[in-house]
N, C-alpha and C. Protein backbone atom coordinates (compact mmCIF):
# COMPACT_ATOMS: atom_id res chain seq x y z
N MET A 1 0.90 -1.17 0.11
CA MET A 1 0.00 0.07 -0.01
C MET A 1 0.84 1.31 0.03
N GLN A 2 0.53 2.13 -0.95
CA GLN A 2 1.30 3.43 -1.04
C GLN A 2 0.70 4.59 -0.46
N LEU A 3 1.46 5.49 0.18
CA LEU A 3 0.81 6.71 0.68
C LEU A 3 1.01 7.80 -0.31
N PHE A 4 -0.18 8.71 -0.57
CA PHE A 4 0.03 9.82 -1.40
C PHE A 4 -0.43 10.95 -0.70
N VAL A 5 0.31 12.10 -0.90
CA VAL A 5 -0.08 13.52 -0.43
C VAL A 5 -0.08 14.45 -1.59
N LYS A 6 -1.33 14.90 -1.95
CA LYS A 6 -1.48 15.64 -3.21
C LYS A 6 -2.36 16.92 -2.97
N GLY A 7 -1.77 17.99 -3.39
CA GLY A 7 -2.83 19.01 -3.49
C GLY A 7 -3.94 18.89 -4.59
N PHE A 8 -4.87 19.82 -4.60
CA PHE A 8 -6.03 19.47 -5.53
C PHE A 8 -5.60 19.39 -6.96
N ASP A 9 -4.67 20.27 -7.51
CA ASP A 9 -4.27 20.34 -8.72
C ASP A 9 -3.63 19.18 -9.23
N GLU A 10 -2.89 18.53 -8.19
CA GLU A 10 -2.00 17.28 -8.46
C GLU A 10 -2.88 16.16 -8.60
N LEU A 11 -4.03 16.06 -8.17
CA LEU A 11 -4.81 14.85 -8.29
C LEU A 11 -5.19 14.56 -9.68
N SER A 12 -5.21 13.26 -10.22
CA SER A 12 -5.62 12.85 -11.52
C SER A 12 -7.03 12.90 -11.35
N LEU A 13 -7.68 12.90 -12.49
CA LEU A 13 -9.22 12.83 -12.62
C LEU A 13 -9.77 11.59 -11.83
N GLU A 14 -9.04 10.47 -12.17
CA GLU A 14 -9.36 9.13 -11.58
C GLU A 14 -9.39 9.17 -9.97
N GLU A 15 -8.20 9.84 -9.47
CA GLU A 15 -8.23 9.94 -8.10
C GLU A 15 -9.23 10.81 -7.45
N LEU A 16 -9.36 11.95 -8.04
CA LEU A 16 -10.41 12.91 -7.62
C LEU A 16 -11.88 12.16 -7.72
N TYR A 17 -12.10 11.46 -8.62
CA TYR A 17 -13.49 10.84 -8.92
C TYR A 17 -13.47 9.59 -7.67
N GLU A 18 -12.44 8.98 -7.56
CA GLU A 18 -12.47 7.88 -6.48
C GLU A 18 -12.59 8.47 -4.98
N ILE A 19 -11.90 9.52 -4.85
CA ILE A 19 -12.12 10.17 -3.41
C ILE A 19 -13.53 10.59 -3.23
N LEU A 20 -14.08 11.29 -4.27
CA LEU A 20 -15.46 11.83 -4.13
C LEU A 20 -16.51 10.74 -4.00
N LYS A 21 -16.22 9.64 -4.67
CA LYS A 21 -17.06 8.40 -4.64
C LYS A 21 -17.01 7.77 -3.19
N LEU A 22 -15.75 7.74 -2.74
CA LEU A 22 -15.55 7.07 -1.41
C LEU A 22 -16.38 7.86 -0.14
N ARG A 23 -16.00 9.18 -0.39
CA ARG A 23 -16.68 9.97 0.50
C ARG A 23 -18.10 9.87 0.71
N ALA A 24 -18.78 10.08 -0.74
CA ALA A 24 -20.07 10.09 -0.85
C ALA A 24 -20.71 8.60 -0.38
N SER A 25 -19.94 7.60 -0.65
CA SER A 25 -20.44 6.22 -0.22
C SER A 25 -20.53 6.07 1.24
N VAL A 26 -19.56 6.74 1.96
CA VAL A 26 -19.56 6.60 3.38
C VAL A 26 -20.44 7.78 4.07
N PHE A 27 -20.18 8.90 3.64
CA PHE A 27 -20.77 10.05 4.52
C PHE A 27 -22.09 10.34 4.11
N VAL A 28 -22.51 10.11 2.84
CA VAL A 28 -23.86 10.31 2.35
C VAL A 28 -24.84 9.04 2.25
N VAL A 29 -24.33 7.95 1.64
CA VAL A 29 -25.16 6.86 1.51
C VAL A 29 -25.12 5.98 2.72
N GLU A 30 -24.02 5.55 3.19
CA GLU A 30 -23.99 4.59 4.30
C GLU A 30 -24.48 5.27 5.68
N GLN A 31 -24.22 6.46 5.88
CA GLN A 31 -24.67 7.27 7.11
C GLN A 31 -26.09 7.81 6.94
N LYS A 32 -26.46 7.66 5.79
CA LYS A 32 -28.03 8.21 5.31
C LYS A 32 -27.97 9.72 5.84
N CYS A 33 -27.01 10.51 5.34
CA CYS A 33 -26.86 11.92 5.71
C CYS A 33 -26.76 12.78 4.32
N PRO A 34 -27.88 13.38 3.97
CA PRO A 34 -27.88 14.00 2.66
C PRO A 34 -27.11 15.48 3.01
N TYR A 35 -26.04 15.54 2.42
CA TYR A 35 -25.39 16.88 2.41
C TYR A 35 -24.42 17.11 1.51
N LEU A 36 -24.05 18.28 1.04
CA LEU A 36 -23.10 18.61 -0.01
C LEU A 36 -21.64 18.21 0.41
N ASP A 37 -21.07 17.05 -0.09
CA ASP A 37 -19.78 16.76 0.44
C ASP A 37 -18.72 17.81 -0.42
N PRO A 38 -18.76 18.10 -1.68
CA PRO A 38 -17.93 18.97 -2.31
C PRO A 38 -18.30 20.32 -1.79
N ASP A 39 -17.46 20.77 -0.71
CA ASP A 39 -17.89 21.99 -0.04
C ASP A 39 -17.00 23.24 -0.40
N GLY A 40 -16.16 23.09 -1.46
CA GLY A 40 -15.43 24.33 -1.70
C GLY A 40 -14.11 24.30 -1.04
N MET A 41 -13.86 23.40 -0.13
CA MET A 41 -12.53 23.46 0.62
C MET A 41 -11.55 22.48 -0.04
N ASP A 42 -11.93 21.45 -0.80
CA ASP A 42 -11.01 20.65 -1.40
C ASP A 42 -9.78 21.42 -1.99
N GLN A 43 -10.17 22.34 -2.78
CA GLN A 43 -9.07 23.14 -3.60
C GLN A 43 -8.07 23.65 -2.68
N GLU A 44 -8.30 23.99 -1.44
CA GLU A 44 -7.35 24.43 -0.41
C GLU A 44 -6.67 23.19 0.33
N ALA A 45 -7.03 22.28 0.20
CA ALA A 45 -6.64 21.01 0.99
C ALA A 45 -5.50 20.27 0.54
N LEU A 46 -4.78 19.58 1.40
CA LEU A 46 -3.82 18.41 0.92
C LEU A 46 -4.66 17.04 1.23
N HIS A 47 -4.76 16.37 0.23
CA HIS A 47 -5.39 15.23 0.11
C HIS A 47 -4.45 13.98 0.37
N VAL A 48 -4.75 13.35 1.54
CA VAL A 48 -3.81 12.33 2.04
C VAL A 48 -4.54 11.00 1.85
N PHE A 49 -3.95 9.89 1.14
CA PHE A 49 -4.51 8.81 0.80
C PHE A 49 -3.66 7.60 0.80
N LEU A 50 -4.17 6.42 1.18
CA LEU A 50 -3.34 5.13 0.99
C LEU A 50 -4.03 4.43 -0.05
N LYS A 51 -3.30 3.68 -1.09
CA LYS A 51 -3.79 3.19 -2.30
C LYS A 51 -3.11 1.96 -2.46
N ASP A 52 -3.80 0.93 -2.97
CA ASP A 52 -3.13 -0.22 -3.43
C ASP A 52 -3.57 -0.52 -4.86
N ASP A 53 -3.36 -1.69 -5.34
CA ASP A 53 -3.81 -1.98 -6.85
C ASP A 53 -5.27 -1.91 -7.10
N SER A 54 -6.10 -2.05 -6.06
CA SER A 54 -7.45 -2.15 -6.14
C SER A 54 -8.13 -0.70 -5.93
N GLY A 55 -7.24 0.28 -5.46
CA GLY A 55 -7.81 1.61 -5.46
C GLY A 55 -7.44 2.11 -3.99
N ILE A 56 -8.06 3.33 -3.63
CA ILE A 56 -7.94 4.06 -2.52
C ILE A 56 -8.64 3.24 -1.45
N LYS A 57 -7.79 3.01 -0.21
CA LYS A 57 -8.22 2.26 0.82
C LYS A 57 -8.48 3.26 2.10
N ALA A 58 -7.81 4.19 2.24
CA ALA A 58 -8.12 5.23 3.39
C ALA A 58 -7.77 6.57 2.85
N TYR A 59 -8.48 7.52 3.52
CA TYR A 59 -8.31 8.96 2.94
C TYR A 59 -8.75 9.97 4.06
N LEU A 60 -8.29 11.13 4.07
CA LEU A 60 -8.52 12.24 4.68
C LEU A 60 -7.82 13.57 4.06
N ARG A 61 -8.28 14.64 4.53
CA ARG A 61 -7.94 15.89 3.89
C ARG A 61 -7.35 16.77 5.05
N VAL A 62 -6.22 17.51 4.90
CA VAL A 62 -5.65 18.50 5.86
C VAL A 62 -5.76 19.87 5.29
N MET A 63 -6.15 20.74 6.10
CA MET A 63 -6.37 22.18 5.63
C MET A 63 -5.61 22.89 6.67
N ASP A 64 -5.11 24.14 6.07
CA ASP A 64 -4.23 25.01 6.69
C ASP A 64 -5.27 25.88 7.68
N ARG A 65 -4.49 26.56 8.70
CA ARG A 65 -5.15 27.46 9.46
C ARG A 65 -6.12 28.41 8.64
N GLY A 66 -7.26 28.73 9.21
CA GLY A 66 -8.16 29.74 8.64
C GLY A 66 -9.16 28.97 7.61
N ALA A 67 -8.84 27.84 7.06
CA ALA A 67 -9.82 27.25 6.18
C ALA A 67 -10.94 26.70 6.83
N GLU A 68 -10.73 26.05 7.92
CA GLU A 68 -11.93 25.38 8.72
C GLU A 68 -12.03 25.90 10.21
N SER A 69 -10.80 26.33 10.65
CA SER A 69 -10.77 26.70 12.01
C SER A 69 -9.50 27.66 12.06
N GLU A 70 -9.22 27.97 13.35
CA GLU A 70 -8.12 28.87 13.63
C GLU A 70 -6.73 27.85 13.56
N TYR A 71 -6.96 26.58 13.79
CA TYR A 71 -5.96 25.55 13.60
C TYR A 71 -5.80 24.88 12.32
N VAL A 72 -4.61 24.08 12.12
CA VAL A 72 -4.57 23.35 10.94
C VAL A 72 -5.73 22.11 11.40
N SER A 73 -6.32 21.71 10.27
CA SER A 73 -7.53 20.90 10.56
C SER A 73 -7.37 19.56 9.63
N ILE A 74 -7.89 18.59 10.27
CA ILE A 74 -8.15 17.24 9.40
C ILE A 74 -9.64 16.95 9.35
N GLY A 75 -10.01 16.49 8.15
CA GLY A 75 -11.49 16.36 8.02
C GLY A 75 -11.58 15.05 6.93
N ARG A 76 -12.79 14.71 6.78
CA ARG A 76 -13.20 13.66 5.78
C ARG A 76 -12.54 12.34 5.98
N VAL A 77 -12.42 11.98 7.39
CA VAL A 77 -11.56 10.79 7.55
C VAL A 77 -12.42 9.58 7.23
N THR A 78 -11.85 8.57 6.45
CA THR A 78 -12.48 7.26 6.23
C THR A 78 -11.59 6.14 5.64
N ALA A 79 -11.89 5.11 5.87
CA ALA A 79 -11.15 3.83 5.38
C ALA A 79 -12.21 2.91 4.88
N VAL A 80 -11.94 2.14 3.66
CA VAL A 80 -12.83 1.35 2.96
C VAL A 80 -12.92 0.09 3.88
N ASP A 81 -11.69 -0.43 4.45
CA ASP A 81 -11.92 -1.78 5.38
C ASP A 81 -11.89 -1.42 6.83
N ARG A 82 -12.82 -1.34 7.36
CA ARG A 82 -13.02 -1.05 8.87
C ARG A 82 -12.31 -2.08 9.75
N ARG A 83 -11.75 -1.56 10.98
CA ARG A 83 -11.14 -2.47 11.99
C ARG A 83 -9.88 -3.19 11.32
N GLN A 84 -9.33 -2.59 10.47
CA GLN A 84 -7.97 -3.10 9.93
C GLN A 84 -6.74 -2.35 10.11
N GLY A 85 -6.95 -1.29 10.95
CA GLY A 85 -5.76 -0.31 11.46
C GLY A 85 -5.47 0.70 10.33
N LEU A 86 -6.44 0.89 9.24
CA LEU A 86 -6.13 1.86 8.23
C LEU A 86 -6.60 3.28 8.66
N GLY A 87 -7.61 3.37 9.55
CA GLY A 87 -8.05 4.73 9.98
C GLY A 87 -6.96 5.15 10.93
N THR A 88 -6.42 4.33 11.81
CA THR A 88 -5.25 4.86 12.61
C THR A 88 -4.03 5.28 11.86
N ARG A 89 -3.76 4.47 10.77
CA ARG A 89 -2.51 4.64 9.86
C ARG A 89 -2.70 6.03 9.21
N ILE A 90 -3.84 6.21 8.58
CA ILE A 90 -4.23 7.37 7.78
C ILE A 90 -4.21 8.61 8.74
N LEU A 91 -4.54 8.63 9.91
CA LEU A 91 -4.66 9.57 10.87
C LEU A 91 -3.35 10.04 11.23
N LYS A 92 -2.43 9.01 11.44
CA LYS A 92 -1.01 9.40 11.87
C LYS A 92 -0.36 10.05 10.74
N GLU A 93 -0.58 9.74 9.45
CA GLU A 93 -0.16 10.31 8.40
C GLU A 93 -0.67 11.65 8.20
N GLY A 94 -1.87 11.95 8.39
CA GLY A 94 -2.45 13.28 8.31
C GLY A 94 -2.00 14.13 9.48
N MET A 95 -1.71 13.64 10.65
CA MET A 95 -1.09 14.51 11.65
C MET A 95 0.44 14.93 11.41
N ARG A 96 1.16 13.96 10.70
CA ARG A 96 2.57 14.20 10.39
C ARG A 96 2.45 15.17 9.14
N VAL A 97 1.61 15.07 8.21
CA VAL A 97 1.46 16.25 7.24
C VAL A 97 1.09 17.41 7.75
N ALA A 98 0.12 17.70 8.59
CA ALA A 98 -0.25 18.87 9.32
C ALA A 98 1.05 19.55 9.77
N GLU A 99 1.85 18.66 10.64
CA GLU A 99 2.98 19.30 11.15
C GLU A 99 3.94 19.66 10.18
N GLU A 100 4.36 18.77 9.17
CA GLU A 100 5.48 18.97 8.25
C GLU A 100 5.15 20.06 7.18
N ARG A 101 3.94 20.05 6.67
CA ARG A 101 3.59 20.93 5.60
C ARG A 101 3.11 22.48 6.02
N PHE A 102 2.39 22.27 7.18
CA PHE A 102 1.67 23.41 7.70
C PHE A 102 2.25 23.97 9.02
N GLY A 103 3.28 23.38 9.54
CA GLY A 103 3.96 23.68 10.80
C GLY A 103 2.97 23.64 11.98
N ALA A 104 1.99 22.79 11.98
CA ALA A 104 0.95 22.92 13.08
C ALA A 104 1.52 22.72 14.37
N GLU A 105 1.05 23.47 15.26
CA GLU A 105 1.26 23.33 16.60
C GLU A 105 0.20 22.52 17.39
N PHE A 106 -1.02 22.68 16.60
CA PHE A 106 -2.28 22.04 17.22
C PHE A 106 -2.98 21.54 15.74
N VAL A 107 -3.71 20.42 16.07
CA VAL A 107 -4.44 19.87 14.99
C VAL A 107 -5.75 19.74 15.32
N TYR A 108 -6.82 20.32 14.79
CA TYR A 108 -8.20 20.33 14.97
C TYR A 108 -9.09 19.36 14.06
N LEU A 109 -10.06 18.78 14.68
CA LEU A 109 -10.96 18.10 14.06
C LEU A 109 -12.31 17.96 14.56
N GLU A 110 -13.46 17.67 13.92
CA GLU A 110 -14.67 17.46 14.41
C GLU A 110 -15.09 15.93 14.29
N ALA A 111 -15.07 15.11 15.30
CA ALA A 111 -15.06 13.70 15.22
C ALA A 111 -16.51 13.34 15.39
N GLN A 112 -16.90 12.39 14.59
CA GLN A 112 -18.21 11.74 15.00
C GLN A 112 -17.91 10.95 16.31
N THR A 113 -18.99 11.12 17.06
CA THR A 113 -18.94 10.57 18.53
C THR A 113 -18.60 9.18 18.65
N TYR A 114 -19.13 8.33 17.75
CA TYR A 114 -18.77 6.99 17.84
C TYR A 114 -17.27 6.60 17.68
N ALA A 115 -16.56 7.52 16.91
CA ALA A 115 -15.19 7.25 16.52
C ALA A 115 -14.16 7.84 17.46
N ARG A 116 -14.80 8.64 18.53
CA ARG A 116 -13.93 9.48 19.42
C ARG A 116 -12.80 8.87 20.03
N GLU A 117 -13.01 7.56 20.38
CA GLU A 117 -11.99 6.70 21.09
C GLU A 117 -10.70 6.56 20.13
N LEU A 118 -10.87 6.47 18.83
CA LEU A 118 -9.87 6.37 17.92
C LEU A 118 -8.89 7.47 17.99
N TYR A 119 -9.62 8.70 17.97
CA TYR A 119 -8.78 10.06 18.23
C TYR A 119 -8.22 10.20 19.40
N ILE A 120 -8.80 9.76 20.59
CA ILE A 120 -8.34 9.79 21.77
C ILE A 120 -6.94 9.03 21.97
N LYS A 121 -6.98 7.81 21.54
CA LYS A 121 -5.89 6.95 21.46
C LYS A 121 -4.57 7.50 20.88
N LEU A 122 -4.75 8.52 19.88
CA LEU A 122 -3.73 9.05 19.25
C LEU A 122 -3.43 10.56 19.91
N GLY A 123 -3.86 10.92 20.90
CA GLY A 123 -3.58 12.01 21.64
C GLY A 123 -4.52 13.24 21.56
N PHE A 124 -5.69 13.12 20.82
CA PHE A 124 -6.65 14.21 20.66
C PHE A 124 -7.46 14.27 22.06
N ARG A 125 -7.90 15.40 22.40
CA ARG A 125 -8.72 15.70 23.45
C ARG A 125 -9.93 16.29 23.10
N GLU A 126 -11.05 16.10 23.75
CA GLU A 126 -12.29 16.70 23.31
C GLU A 126 -12.28 18.13 24.00
N THR A 127 -12.81 19.05 23.20
CA THR A 127 -12.88 20.41 23.54
C THR A 127 -14.23 21.17 23.35
N SER A 128 -15.07 20.25 23.29
CA SER A 128 -16.50 20.66 23.29
C SER A 128 -17.53 19.53 23.76
N GLY A 129 -18.75 19.94 24.11
CA GLY A 129 -19.77 19.02 24.35
C GLY A 129 -20.27 18.33 22.93
N GLU A 130 -21.09 17.42 22.86
CA GLU A 130 -21.62 16.79 21.69
C GLU A 130 -22.51 17.78 21.04
N PHE A 131 -22.48 17.74 19.65
CA PHE A 131 -23.29 18.57 18.81
C PHE A 131 -23.64 17.98 17.58
N LEU A 132 -24.68 18.33 16.82
CA LEU A 132 -25.17 17.83 15.60
C LEU A 132 -24.54 18.55 14.55
N LEU A 133 -23.81 17.81 13.59
CA LEU A 133 -23.44 18.33 12.43
C LEU A 133 -23.94 17.52 11.22
N ASP A 134 -24.77 18.15 10.32
CA ASP A 134 -25.50 17.30 9.27
C ASP A 134 -26.36 16.27 9.92
N GLY A 135 -26.86 16.41 11.18
CA GLY A 135 -27.72 15.41 11.89
C GLY A 135 -26.94 14.21 12.50
N ILE A 136 -25.65 14.32 12.39
CA ILE A 136 -24.72 13.34 13.16
C ILE A 136 -24.10 13.89 14.46
N PRO A 137 -24.03 13.02 15.47
CA PRO A 137 -23.43 13.75 16.86
C PRO A 137 -21.97 13.80 16.51
N HIS A 138 -21.41 14.85 16.86
CA HIS A 138 -19.96 15.12 16.81
C HIS A 138 -19.33 15.90 17.99
N VAL A 139 -18.10 15.67 18.20
CA VAL A 139 -17.44 16.57 19.36
C VAL A 139 -16.17 17.14 18.62
N LYS A 140 -15.88 18.45 19.07
CA LYS A 140 -14.71 19.15 18.56
C LYS A 140 -13.43 18.39 19.35
N MET A 141 -12.38 18.21 18.72
CA MET A 141 -11.15 17.63 19.37
C MET A 141 -9.89 18.38 18.89
N LEU A 142 -8.92 18.43 19.83
CA LEU A 142 -7.63 19.17 19.55
C LEU A 142 -6.47 18.34 19.91
N TYR A 143 -5.40 18.28 19.05
CA TYR A 143 -4.11 17.46 19.40
C TYR A 143 -3.02 18.51 19.37
N GLU A 144 -2.25 18.45 20.47
CA GLU A 144 -1.11 19.34 20.71
C GLU A 144 0.07 18.52 20.06
N VAL A 145 0.74 19.26 19.04
CA VAL A 145 1.98 18.64 18.49
C VAL A 145 3.04 18.69 19.54
N LYS A 146 3.61 17.65 19.76
CA LYS A 146 4.81 17.36 20.64
C LYS A 146 6.09 17.88 19.92
N LYS A 147 6.80 18.86 20.34
CA LYS A 147 7.96 19.18 19.65
C LYS A 147 9.23 18.88 20.45
């Protein structure tokens, strides 16, 4: 499995299509949450994904300060095969990218509450109570980069 980190303009049409298809299949279809996934932020994001011969297996995007929050942020975290360690692996890569590419001192994300333990295991802490985002319970979380 190979890791890719690409800006929007570096993505091939096939990669972009596969990313949008993966995100829609999980966040819109599987979770029964009708919302506009292409939100205008992809053009500013770094797209981090793990891919093998059969396609993209895990994905997230990293955005610089000011795009989504005052902190460097991670979003749209997903993996095709669940409970295989891919979520943890892609998150670690995303955190590394946030630090190396954007000089992050903190990394922000809004986690679906069912997945909060995954983020806590990686050092994120909750910074809000539960709230609904597109009808799905979330919590705000922050990770402090250890220097």
